[in-house]
Amino acid sequence: SAYIFENPEHSASEVGEACFVKALEEA
């Protein structure tokens, strides 16, 4: 969360979705 949002307090669902979006864009 800190790596993606520069804030470690984002929810697990937000972190998981952001990871998927980032991976999808790369794919």
mmCIF file of all heavy atoms, coordinates in Angstrom:
data_MODEL
# 
_entry.id   MODEL 
# 
loop_
_atom_site.group_PDB 
_atom_site.id 
_atom_site.type_symbol 
_atom_site.label_atom_id 
_atom_site.label_alt_id 
_atom_site.label_comp_id 
_atom_site.label_asym_id 
_atom_site.label_entity_id 
_atom_site.label_seq_id 
_atom_site.pdbx_PDB_ins_code 
_atom_site.Cartn_x 
_atom_site.Cartn_y 
_atom_site.Cartn_z 
_atom_site.occupancy 
_atom_site.B_iso_or_equiv 
_atom_site.pdbx_formal_charge 
_atom_site.auth_seq_id 
_atom_site.auth_comp_id 
_atom_site.auth_asym_id 
_atom_site.auth_atom_id 
_atom_site.pdbx_PDB_model_num 
ATOM 1   N N   . SER A 1 1  ? 0.844   -1.204 0.000   1.00 0.00 ? 1  SER A N   1 
ATOM 2   C CA  . SER A 1 1  ? 0.000   0.000  0.000   1.00 0.00 ? 1  SER A CA  1 
ATOM 3   C C   . SER A 1 1  ? 0.873   1.247  0.000   1.00 0.00 ? 1  SER A C   1 
ATOM 4   O O   . SER A 1 1  ? 0.608   2.213  -0.736  1.00 0.00 ? 1  SER A O   1 
ATOM 5   C CB  . SER A 1 1  ? -0.919  -0.003 1.216   1.00 0.00 ? 1  SER A CB  1 
ATOM 6   O OG  . SER A 1 1  ? -1.673  1.181  1.288   1.00 0.00 ? 1  SER A OG  1 
ATOM 7   N N   . ALA A 1 2  ? 1.943   1.235  0.812   1.00 0.00 ? 2  ALA A N   1 
ATOM 8   C CA  . ALA A 1 2  ? 2.854   2.386  0.863   1.00 0.00 ? 2  ALA A CA  1 
ATOM 9   C C   . ALA A 1 2  ? 3.584   2.562  -0.473  1.00 0.00 ? 2  ALA A C   1 
ATOM 10  O O   . ALA A 1 2  ? 3.823   3.692  -0.927  1.00 0.00 ? 2  ALA A O   1 
ATOM 11  C CB  . ALA A 1 2  ? 3.863   2.199  1.998   1.00 0.00 ? 2  ALA A CB  1 
ATOM 12  N N   . TYR A 1 3  ? 3.920   1.447  -1.116  1.00 0.00 ? 3  TYR A N   1 
ATOM 13  C CA  . TYR A 1 3  ? 4.626   1.493  -2.405  1.00 0.00 ? 3  TYR A CA  1 
ATOM 14  C C   . TYR A 1 3  ? 3.728   2.071  -3.510  1.00 0.00 ? 3  TYR A C   1 
ATOM 15  O O   . TYR A 1 3  ? 4.160   2.897  -4.303  1.00 0.00 ? 3  TYR A O   1 
ATOM 16  C CB  . TYR A 1 3  ? 5.091   0.077  -2.773  1.00 0.00 ? 3  TYR A CB  1 
ATOM 17  C CG  . TYR A 1 3  ? 5.670   -0.028 -4.170  1.00 0.00 ? 3  TYR A CG  1 
ATOM 18  C CD1 . TYR A 1 3  ? 6.916   0.522  -4.469  1.00 0.00 ? 3  TYR A CD1 1 
ATOM 19  C CD2 . TYR A 1 3  ? 4.963   -0.677 -5.184  1.00 0.00 ? 3  TYR A CD2 1 
ATOM 20  C CE1 . TYR A 1 3  ? 7.438   0.429  -5.752  1.00 0.00 ? 3  TYR A CE1 1 
ATOM 21  C CE2 . TYR A 1 3  ? 5.479   -0.780 -6.457  1.00 0.00 ? 3  TYR A CE2 1 
ATOM 22  C CZ  . TYR A 1 3  ? 6.724   -0.216 -6.745  1.00 0.00 ? 3  TYR A CZ  1 
ATOM 23  O OH  . TYR A 1 3  ? 7.237   -0.306 -8.021  1.00 0.00 ? 3  TYR A OH  1 
ATOM 24  N N   . ILE A 1 4  ? 2.461   1.633  -3.555  1.00 0.00 ? 4  ILE A N   1 
ATOM 25  C CA  . ILE A 1 4  ? 1.556   2.056  -4.631  1.00 0.00 ? 4  ILE A CA  1 
ATOM 26  C C   . ILE A 1 4  ? 0.941   3.427  -4.358  1.00 0.00 ? 4  ILE A C   1 
ATOM 27  O O   . ILE A 1 4  ? 0.910   4.297  -5.234  1.00 0.00 ? 4  ILE A O   1 
ATOM 28  C CB  . ILE A 1 4  ? 0.433   1.018  -4.828  1.00 0.00 ? 4  ILE A CB  1 
ATOM 29  C CG1 . ILE A 1 4  ? 1.025   -0.309 -5.324  1.00 0.00 ? 4  ILE A CG1 1 
ATOM 30  C CG2 . ILE A 1 4  ? -0.624  1.522  -5.820  1.00 0.00 ? 4  ILE A CG2 1 
ATOM 31  C CD1 . ILE A 1 4  ? 0.012   -1.430 -5.466  1.00 0.00 ? 4  ILE A CD1 1 
ATOM 32  N N   . PHE A 1 5  ? 0.464   3.639  -3.101  1.00 0.00 ? 5  PHE A N   1 
ATOM 33  C CA  . PHE A 1 5  ? -0.307  4.856  -2.783  1.00 0.00 ? 5  PHE A CA  1 
ATOM 34  C C   . PHE A 1 5  ? 0.488   5.883  -1.977  1.00 0.00 ? 5  PHE A C   1 
ATOM 35  O O   . PHE A 1 5  ? -0.022  6.967  -1.690  1.00 0.00 ? 5  PHE A O   1 
ATOM 36  C CB  . PHE A 1 5  ? -1.565  4.483  -1.989  1.00 0.00 ? 5  PHE A CB  1 
ATOM 37  C CG  . PHE A 1 5  ? -2.524  3.570  -2.712  1.00 0.00 ? 5  PHE A CG  1 
ATOM 38  C CD1 . PHE A 1 5  ? -2.661  2.240  -2.322  1.00 0.00 ? 5  PHE A CD1 1 
ATOM 39  C CD2 . PHE A 1 5  ? -3.269  4.034  -3.784  1.00 0.00 ? 5  PHE A CD2 1 
ATOM 40  C CE1 . PHE A 1 5  ? -3.553  1.401  -2.963  1.00 0.00 ? 5  PHE A CE1 1 
ATOM 41  C CE2 . PHE A 1 5  ? -4.173  3.196  -4.429  1.00 0.00 ? 5  PHE A CE2 1 
ATOM 42  C CZ  . PHE A 1 5  ? -4.304  1.870  -4.029  1.00 0.00 ? 5  PHE A CZ  1 
ATOM 43  N N   . GLU A 1 6  ? 1.701   5.469  -1.564  1.00 0.00 ? 6  GLU A N   1 
ATOM 44  C CA  . GLU A 1 6  ? 2.484   6.300  -0.643  1.00 0.00 ? 6  GLU A CA  1 
ATOM 45  C C   . GLU A 1 6  ? 1.742   6.505  0.669   1.00 0.00 ? 6  GLU A C   1 
ATOM 46  O O   . GLU A 1 6  ? 1.853   7.526  1.336   1.00 0.00 ? 6  GLU A O   1 
ATOM 47  C CB  . GLU A 1 6  ? 2.833   7.658  -1.283  1.00 0.00 ? 6  GLU A CB  1 
ATOM 48  C CG  . GLU A 1 6  ? 3.701   7.534  -2.522  1.00 0.00 ? 6  GLU A CG  1 
ATOM 49  C CD  . GLU A 1 6  ? 4.076   8.887  -3.097  1.00 0.00 ? 6  GLU A CD  1 
ATOM 50  O OE1 . GLU A 1 6  ? 3.567   9.906  -2.577  1.00 0.00 ? 6  GLU A OE1 1 
ATOM 51  O OE2 . GLU A 1 6  ? 4.859   8.924  -4.053  1.00 0.00 ? 6  GLU A OE2 1 
ATOM 52  N N   . ASN A 1 7  ? 0.942   5.523  1.008   1.00 0.00 ? 7  ASN A N   1 
ATOM 53  C CA  . ASN A 1 7  ? 0.156   5.547  2.248   1.00 0.00 ? 7  ASN A CA  1 
ATOM 54  C C   . ASN A 1 7  ? -0.099  4.091  2.645   1.00 0.00 ? 7  ASN A C   1 
ATOM 55  O O   . ASN A 1 7  ? -0.722  3.348  1.887   1.00 0.00 ? 7  ASN A O   1 
ATOM 56  C CB  . ASN A 1 7  ? -1.176  6.272  2.028   1.00 0.00 ? 7  ASN A CB  1 
ATOM 57  C CG  . ASN A 1 7  ? -2.007  6.332  3.302   1.00 0.00 ? 7  ASN A CG  1 
ATOM 58  O OD1 . ASN A 1 7  ? -1.727  5.659  4.293   1.00 0.00 ? 7  ASN A OD1 1 
ATOM 59  N ND2 . ASN A 1 7  ? -3.057  7.147  3.268   1.00 0.00 ? 7  ASN A ND2 1 
ATOM 60  N N   . PRO A 1 8  ? 0.387   3.668  3.807   1.00 0.00 ? 8  PRO A N   1 
ATOM 61  C CA  . PRO A 1 8  ? 0.256   2.252  4.172   1.00 0.00 ? 8  PRO A CA  1 
ATOM 62  C C   . PRO A 1 8  ? -1.131  1.858  4.670   1.00 0.00 ? 8  PRO A C   1 
ATOM 63  O O   . PRO A 1 8  ? -1.377  0.682  4.955   1.00 0.00 ? 8  PRO A O   1 
ATOM 64  C CB  . PRO A 1 8  ? 1.286   2.094  5.303   1.00 0.00 ? 8  PRO A CB  1 
ATOM 65  C CG  . PRO A 1 8  ? 1.327   3.447  5.943   1.00 0.00 ? 8  PRO A CG  1 
ATOM 66  C CD  . PRO A 1 8  ? 1.152   4.442  4.818   1.00 0.00 ? 8  PRO A CD  1 
ATOM 67  N N   . GLU A 1 9  ? -2.087  2.810  4.784   1.00 0.00 ? 9  GLU A N   1 
ATOM 68  C CA  . GLU A 1 9  ? -3.355  2.538  5.447   1.00 0.00 ? 9  GLU A CA  1 
ATOM 69  C C   . GLU A 1 9  ? -4.515  2.241  4.514   1.00 0.00 ? 9  GLU A C   1 
ATOM 70  O O   . GLU A 1 9  ? -5.666  2.206  4.935   1.00 0.00 ? 9  GLU A O   1 
ATOM 71  C CB  . GLU A 1 9  ? -3.731  3.721  6.365   1.00 0.00 ? 9  GLU A CB  1 
ATOM 72  C CG  . GLU A 1 9  ? -2.714  4.021  7.442   1.00 0.00 ? 9  GLU A CG  1 
ATOM 73  C CD  . GLU A 1 9  ? -2.467  2.810  8.329   1.00 0.00 ? 9  GLU A CD  1 
ATOM 74  O OE1 . GLU A 1 9  ? -3.432  2.051  8.588   1.00 0.00 ? 9  GLU A OE1 1 
ATOM 75  O OE2 . GLU A 1 9  ? -1.317  2.603  8.745   1.00 0.00 ? 9  GLU A OE2 1 
ATOM 76  N N   . HIS A 1 10 ? -4.246  2.062  3.217   1.00 0.00 ? 10 HIS A N   1 
ATOM 77  C CA  . HIS A 1 10 ? -5.345  1.697  2.316   1.00 0.00 ? 10 HIS A CA  1 
ATOM 78  C C   . HIS A 1 10 ? -5.828  0.282  2.631   1.00 0.00 ? 10 HIS A C   1 
ATOM 79  O O   . HIS A 1 10 ? -5.071  -0.559 3.142   1.00 0.00 ? 10 HIS A O   1 
ATOM 80  C CB  . HIS A 1 10 ? -4.888  1.798  0.856   1.00 0.00 ? 10 HIS A CB  1 
ATOM 81  C CG  . HIS A 1 10 ? -4.927  3.196  0.324   1.00 0.00 ? 10 HIS A CG  1 
ATOM 82  N ND1 . HIS A 1 10 ? -5.923  3.656  -0.501  1.00 0.00 ? 10 HIS A ND1 1 
ATOM 83  C CD2 . HIS A 1 10 ? -4.092  4.256  0.534   1.00 0.00 ? 10 HIS A CD2 1 
ATOM 84  C CE1 . HIS A 1 10 ? -5.709  4.930  -0.800  1.00 0.00 ? 10 HIS A CE1 1 
ATOM 85  N NE2 . HIS A 1 10 ? -4.593  5.313  -0.185  1.00 0.00 ? 10 HIS A NE2 1 
ATOM 86  N N   . SER A 1 11 ? -7.120  0.014  2.337   1.00 0.00 ? 11 SER A N   1 
ATOM 87  C CA  . SER A 1 11 ? -7.703  -1.288 2.667   1.00 0.00 ? 11 SER A CA  1 
ATOM 88  C C   . SER A 1 11 ? -7.095  -2.383 1.795   1.00 0.00 ? 11 SER A C   1 
ATOM 89  O O   . SER A 1 11 ? -6.539  -2.124 0.717   1.00 0.00 ? 11 SER A O   1 
ATOM 90  C CB  . SER A 1 11 ? -9.210  -1.252 2.466   1.00 0.00 ? 11 SER A CB  1 
ATOM 91  O OG  . SER A 1 11 ? -9.538  -1.126 1.092   1.00 0.00 ? 11 SER A OG  1 
ATOM 92  N N   . ALA A 1 12 ? -7.239  -3.612 2.267   1.00 0.00 ? 12 ALA A N   1 
ATOM 93  C CA  . ALA A 1 12 ? -6.700  -4.764 1.535   1.00 0.00 ? 12 ALA A CA  1 
ATOM 94  C C   . ALA A 1 12 ? -7.339  -4.880 0.159   1.00 0.00 ? 12 ALA A C   1 
ATOM 95  O O   . ALA A 1 12 ? -6.662  -5.217 -0.830  1.00 0.00 ? 12 ALA A O   1 
ATOM 96  C CB  . ALA A 1 12 ? -6.936  -6.040 2.342   1.00 0.00 ? 12 ALA A CB  1 
ATOM 97  N N   . SER A 1 13 ? -8.647  -4.609 0.069   1.00 0.00 ? 13 SER A N   1 
ATOM 98  C CA  . SER A 1 13 ? -9.314  -4.720 -1.233  1.00 0.00 ? 13 SER A CA  1 
ATOM 99  C C   . SER A 1 13 ? -8.783  -3.670 -2.211  1.00 0.00 ? 13 SER A C   1 
ATOM 100 O O   . SER A 1 13 ? -8.615  -3.945 -3.408  1.00 0.00 ? 13 SER A O   1 
ATOM 101 C CB  . SER A 1 13 ? -10.824 -4.582 -1.073  1.00 0.00 ? 13 SER A CB  1 
ATOM 102 O OG  . SER A 1 13 ? -11.164 -3.319 -0.537  1.00 0.00 ? 13 SER A OG  1 
ATOM 103 N N   . GLU A 1 14 ? -8.524  -2.457 -1.720  1.00 0.00 ? 14 GLU A N   1 
ATOM 104 C CA  . GLU A 1 14 ? -7.986  -1.401 -2.586  1.00 0.00 ? 14 GLU A CA  1 
ATOM 105 C C   . GLU A 1 14 ? -6.576  -1.758 -3.063  1.00 0.00 ? 14 GLU A C   1 
ATOM 106 O O   . GLU A 1 14 ? -6.225  -1.533 -4.239  1.00 0.00 ? 14 GLU A O   1 
ATOM 107 C CB  . GLU A 1 14 ? -7.968  -0.071 -1.837  1.00 0.00 ? 14 GLU A CB  1 
ATOM 108 C CG  . GLU A 1 14 ? -9.350  0.517  -1.574  1.00 0.00 ? 14 GLU A CG  1 
ATOM 109 C CD  . GLU A 1 14 ? -9.299  1.750  -0.688  1.00 0.00 ? 14 GLU A CD  1 
ATOM 110 O OE1 . GLU A 1 14 ? -8.463  1.774  0.244   1.00 0.00 ? 14 GLU A OE1 1 
ATOM 111 O OE2 . GLU A 1 14 ? -10.086 2.670  -0.921  1.00 0.00 ? 14 GLU A OE2 1 
ATOM 112 N N   . VAL A 1 15 ? -5.794  -2.312 -2.155  1.00 0.00 ? 15 VAL A N   1 
ATOM 113 C CA  . VAL A 1 15 ? -4.431  -2.702 -2.521  1.00 0.00 ? 15 VAL A CA  1 
ATOM 114 C C   . VAL A 1 15 ? -4.465  -3.825 -3.560  1.00 0.00 ? 15 VAL A C   1 
ATOM 115 O O   . VAL A 1 15 ? -3.758  -3.792 -4.578  1.00 0.00 ? 15 VAL A O   1 
ATOM 116 C CB  . VAL A 1 15 ? -3.643  -3.144 -1.277  1.00 0.00 ? 15 VAL A CB  1 
ATOM 117 C CG1 . VAL A 1 15 ? -2.286  -3.734 -1.681  1.00 0.00 ? 15 VAL A CG1 1 
ATOM 118 C CG2 . VAL A 1 15 ? -3.454  -1.969 -0.313  1.00 0.00 ? 15 VAL A CG2 1 
ATOM 119 N N   . GLY A 1 16 ? -5.331  -4.823 -3.322  1.00 0.00 ? 16 GLY A N   1 
ATOM 120 C CA  . GLY A 1 16 ? -5.425  -5.940 -4.252  1.00 0.00 ? 16 GLY A CA  1 
ATOM 121 C C   . GLY A 1 16 ? -5.878  -5.495 -5.629  1.00 0.00 ? 16 GLY A C   1 
ATOM 122 O O   . GLY A 1 16 ? -5.329  -5.937 -6.657  1.00 0.00 ? 16 GLY A O   1 
ATOM 123 N N   . GLU A 1 17 ? -6.862  -4.596 -5.683  1.00 0.00 ? 17 GLU A N   1 
ATOM 124 C CA  . GLU A 1 17 ? -7.361  -4.125 -6.974  1.00 0.00 ? 17 GLU A CA  1 
ATOM 125 C C   . GLU A 1 17 ? -6.289  -3.311 -7.701  1.00 0.00 ? 17 GLU A C   1 
ATOM 126 O O   . GLU A 1 17 ? -6.114  -3.433 -8.921  1.00 0.00 ? 17 GLU A O   1 
ATOM 127 C CB  . GLU A 1 17 ? -8.625  -3.286 -6.774  1.00 0.00 ? 17 GLU A CB  1 
ATOM 128 C CG  . GLU A 1 17 ? -9.260  -2.863 -8.093  1.00 0.00 ? 17 GLU A CG  1 
ATOM 129 C CD  . GLU A 1 17 ? -10.628 -2.246 -7.920  1.00 0.00 ? 17 GLU A CD  1 
ATOM 130 O OE1 . GLU A 1 17 ? -11.066 -2.099 -6.762  1.00 0.00 ? 17 GLU A OE1 1 
ATOM 131 O OE2 . GLU A 1 17 ? -11.263 -1.924 -8.936  1.00 0.00 ? 17 GLU A OE2 1 
ATOM 132 N N   . ALA A 1 18 ? -5.554  -2.471 -6.954  1.00 0.00 ? 18 ALA A N   1 
ATOM 133 C CA  . ALA A 1 18 ? -4.501  -1.660 -7.564  1.00 0.00 ? 18 ALA A CA  1 
ATOM 134 C C   . ALA A 1 18 ? -3.402  -2.554 -8.147  1.00 0.00 ? 18 ALA A C   1 
ATOM 135 O O   . ALA A 1 18 ? -2.863  -2.277 -9.236  1.00 0.00 ? 18 ALA A O   1 
ATOM 136 C CB  . ALA A 1 18 ? -3.914  -0.699 -6.531  1.00 0.00 ? 18 ALA A CB  1 
ATOM 137 N N   . CYS A 1 19 ? -3.077  -3.614 -7.427  1.00 0.00 ? 19 CYS A N   1 
ATOM 138 C CA  . CYS A 1 19 ? -2.068  -4.559 -7.927  1.00 0.00 ? 19 CYS A CA  1 
ATOM 139 C C   . CYS A 1 19 ? -2.540  -5.202 -9.229  1.00 0.00 ? 19 CYS A C   1 
ATOM 140 O O   . CYS A 1 19 ? -1.763  -5.357 -10.187 1.00 0.00 ? 19 CYS A O   1 
ATOM 141 C CB  . CYS A 1 19 ? -1.791  -5.634 -6.882  1.00 0.00 ? 19 CYS A CB  1 
ATOM 142 S SG  . CYS A 1 19 ? -0.871  -5.044 -5.449  1.00 0.00 ? 19 CYS A SG  1 
ATOM 143 N N   . PHE A 1 20 ? -3.817  -5.587 -9.262  1.00 0.00 ? 20 PHE A N   1 
ATOM 144 C CA  . PHE A 1 20 ? -4.351  -6.229 -10.468 1.00 0.00 ? 20 PHE A CA  1 
ATOM 145 C C   . PHE A 1 20 ? -4.342  -5.255 -11.645 1.00 0.00 ? 20 PHE A C   1 
ATOM 146 O O   . PHE A 1 20 ? -3.956  -5.617 -12.772 1.00 0.00 ? 20 PHE A O   1 
ATOM 147 C CB  . PHE A 1 20 ? -5.768  -6.736 -10.209 1.00 0.00 ? 20 PHE A CB  1 
ATOM 148 C CG  . PHE A 1 20 ? -6.367  -7.460 -11.382 1.00 0.00 ? 20 PHE A CG  1 
ATOM 149 C CD1 . PHE A 1 20 ? -6.146  -8.814 -11.563 1.00 0.00 ? 20 PHE A CD1 1 
ATOM 150 C CD2 . PHE A 1 20 ? -7.141  -6.787 -12.318 1.00 0.00 ? 20 PHE A CD2 1 
ATOM 151 C CE1 . PHE A 1 20 ? -6.676  -9.482 -12.651 1.00 0.00 ? 20 PHE A CE1 1 
ATOM 152 C CE2 . PHE A 1 20 ? -7.673  -7.445 -13.407 1.00 0.00 ? 20 PHE A CE2 1 
ATOM 153 C CZ  . PHE A 1 20 ? -7.444  -8.801 -13.580 1.00 0.00 ? 20 PHE A CZ  1 
ATOM 154 N N   . VAL A 1 21 ? -4.761  -3.999 -11.402 1.00 0.00 ? 21 VAL A N   1 
ATOM 155 C CA  . VAL A 1 21 ? -4.779  -2.989 -12.470 1.00 0.00 ? 21 VAL A CA  1 
ATOM 156 C C   . VAL A 1 21 ? -3.380  -2.766 -13.016 1.00 0.00 ? 21 VAL A C   1 
ATOM 157 O O   . VAL A 1 21 ? -3.160  -2.680 -14.232 1.00 0.00 ? 21 VAL A O   1 
ATOM 158 C CB  . VAL A 1 21 ? -5.393  -1.669 -11.946 1.00 0.00 ? 21 VAL A CB  1 
ATOM 159 C CG1 . VAL A 1 21 ? -5.186  -0.539 -12.959 1.00 0.00 ? 21 VAL A CG1 1 
ATOM 160 C CG2 . VAL A 1 21 ? -6.871  -1.861 -11.653 1.00 0.00 ? 21 VAL A CG2 1 
ATOM 161 N N   . LYS A 1 22 ? -2.424  -2.676 -12.105 1.00 0.00 ? 22 LYS A N   1 
ATOM 162 C CA  . LYS A 1 22 ? -1.029  -2.456 -12.519 1.00 0.00 ? 22 LYS A CA  1 
ATOM 163 C C   . LYS A 1 22 ? -0.525  -3.640 -13.348 1.00 0.00 ? 22 LYS A C   1 
ATOM 164 O O   . LYS A 1 22 ? 0.093   -3.466 -14.416 1.00 0.00 ? 22 LYS A O   1 
ATOM 165 C CB  . LYS A 1 22 ? -0.142  -2.267 -11.285 1.00 0.00 ? 22 LYS A CB  1 
ATOM 166 C CG  . LYS A 1 22 ? 1.317   -1.930 -11.622 1.00 0.00 ? 22 LYS A CG  1 
ATOM 167 C CD  . LYS A 1 22 ? 2.091   -1.638 -10.332 1.00 0.00 ? 22 LYS A CD  1 
ATOM 168 C CE  . LYS A 1 22 ? 3.546   -1.355 -10.638 1.00 0.00 ? 22 LYS A CE  1 
ATOM 169 N NZ  . LYS A 1 22 ? 3.724   -0.151 -11.481 1.00 0.00 ? 22 LYS A NZ  1 
ATOM 170 N N   . ALA A 1 23 ? -0.824  -4.848 -12.899 1.00 0.00 ? 23 ALA A N   1 
ATOM 171 C CA  . ALA A 1 23 ? -0.389  -6.055 -13.636 1.00 0.00 ? 23 ALA A CA  1 
ATOM 172 C C   . ALA A 1 23 ? -1.105  -6.137 -14.988 1.00 0.00 ? 23 ALA A C   1 
ATOM 173 O O   . ALA A 1 23 ? -0.507  -6.556 -16.001 1.00 0.00 ? 23 ALA A O   1 
ATOM 174 C CB  . ALA A 1 23 ? -0.678  -7.320 -12.799 1.00 0.00 ? 23 ALA A CB  1 
ATOM 175 N N   . LEU A 1 24 ? -2.405  -5.762 -15.012 1.00 0.00 ? 24 LEU A N   1 
ATOM 176 C CA  . LEU A 1 24 ? -3.157  -5.809 -16.257 1.00 0.00 ? 24 LEU A CA  1 
ATOM 177 C C   . LEU A 1 24 ? -2.572  -4.828 -17.287 1.00 0.00 ? 24 LEU A C   1 
ATOM 178 O O   . LEU A 1 24 ? -2.456  -5.168 -18.473 1.00 0.00 ? 24 LEU A O   1 
ATOM 179 C CB  . LEU A 1 24 ? -4.630  -5.495 -15.973 1.00 0.00 ? 24 LEU A CB  1 
ATOM 180 C CG  . LEU A 1 24 ? -5.565  -5.457 -17.193 1.00 0.00 ? 24 LEU A CG  1 
ATOM 181 C CD1 . LEU A 1 24 ? -5.588  -6.807 -17.894 1.00 0.00 ? 24 LEU A CD1 1 
ATOM 182 C CD2 . LEU A 1 24 ? -6.965  -5.017 -16.797 1.00 0.00 ? 24 LEU A CD2 1 
ATOM 183 N N   . GLU A 1 25 ? -2.243  -3.631 -16.818 1.00 0.00 ? 25 GLU A N   1 
ATOM 184 C CA  . GLU A 1 25 ? -1.656  -2.631 -17.729 1.00 0.00 ? 25 GLU A CA  1 
ATOM 185 C C   . GLU A 1 25 ? -0.345  -3.143 -18.315 1.00 0.00 ? 25 GLU A C   1 
ATOM 186 O O   . GLU A 1 25 ? -0.073  -2.991 -19.513 1.00 0.00 ? 25 GLU A O   1 
ATOM 187 C CB  . GLU A 1 25 ? -1.433  -1.317 -16.993 1.00 0.00 ? 25 GLU A CB  1 
ATOM 188 C CG  . GLU A 1 25 ? -2.727  -0.583 -16.646 1.00 0.00 ? 25 GLU A CG  1 
ATOM 189 C CD  . GLU A 1 25 ? -2.486  0.644  -15.764 1.00 0.00 ? 25 GLU A CD  1 
ATOM 190 O OE1 . GLU A 1 25 ? -1.341  0.796  -15.269 1.00 0.00 ? 25 GLU A OE1 1 
ATOM 191 O OE2 . GLU A 1 25 ? -3.435  1.423  -15.579 1.00 0.00 ? 25 GLU A OE2 1 
ATOM 192 N N   . GLU A 1 26 ? 0.479   -3.766 -17.469 1.00 0.00 ? 26 GLU A N   1 
ATOM 193 C CA  . GLU A 1 26 ? 1.750   -4.321 -17.955 1.00 0.00 ? 26 GLU A CA  1 
ATOM 194 C C   . GLU A 1 26 ? 1.512   -5.449 -18.938 1.00 0.00 ? 26 GLU A C   1 
ATOM 195 O O   . GLU A 1 26 ? 2.210   -5.593 -19.955 1.00 0.00 ? 26 GLU A O   1 
ATOM 196 C CB  . GLU A 1 26 ? 2.588   -4.793 -16.774 1.00 0.00 ? 26 GLU A CB  1 
ATOM 197 C CG  . GLU A 1 26 ? 3.060   -3.662 -15.881 1.00 0.00 ? 26 GLU A CG  1 
ATOM 198 C CD  . GLU A 1 26 ? 3.813   -4.173 -14.653 1.00 0.00 ? 26 GLU A CD  1 
ATOM 199 O OE1 . GLU A 1 26 ? 3.900   -5.413 -14.485 1.00 0.00 ? 26 GLU A OE1 1 
ATOM 200 O OE2 . GLU A 1 26 ? 4.297   -3.331 -13.860 1.00 0.00 ? 26 GLU A OE2 1 
ATOM 201 N N   . ALA A 1 27 ? 0.489   -6.274 -18.648 1.00 0.00 ? 27 ALA A N   1 
ATOM 202 C CA  . ALA A 1 27 ? 0.203   -7.407 -19.539 1.00 0.00 ? 27 ALA A CA  1 
ATOM 203 C C   . ALA A 1 27 ? -0.313  -6.931 -20.879 1.00 0.00 ? 27 ALA A C   1 
ATOM 204 O O   . ALA A 1 27 ? 0.028   -7.493 -21.933 1.00 0.00 ? 27 ALA A O   1 
ATOM 205 C CB  . ALA A 1 27 ? -0.844  -8.320 -18.865 1.00 0.00 ? 27 ALA A CB  1 
# 
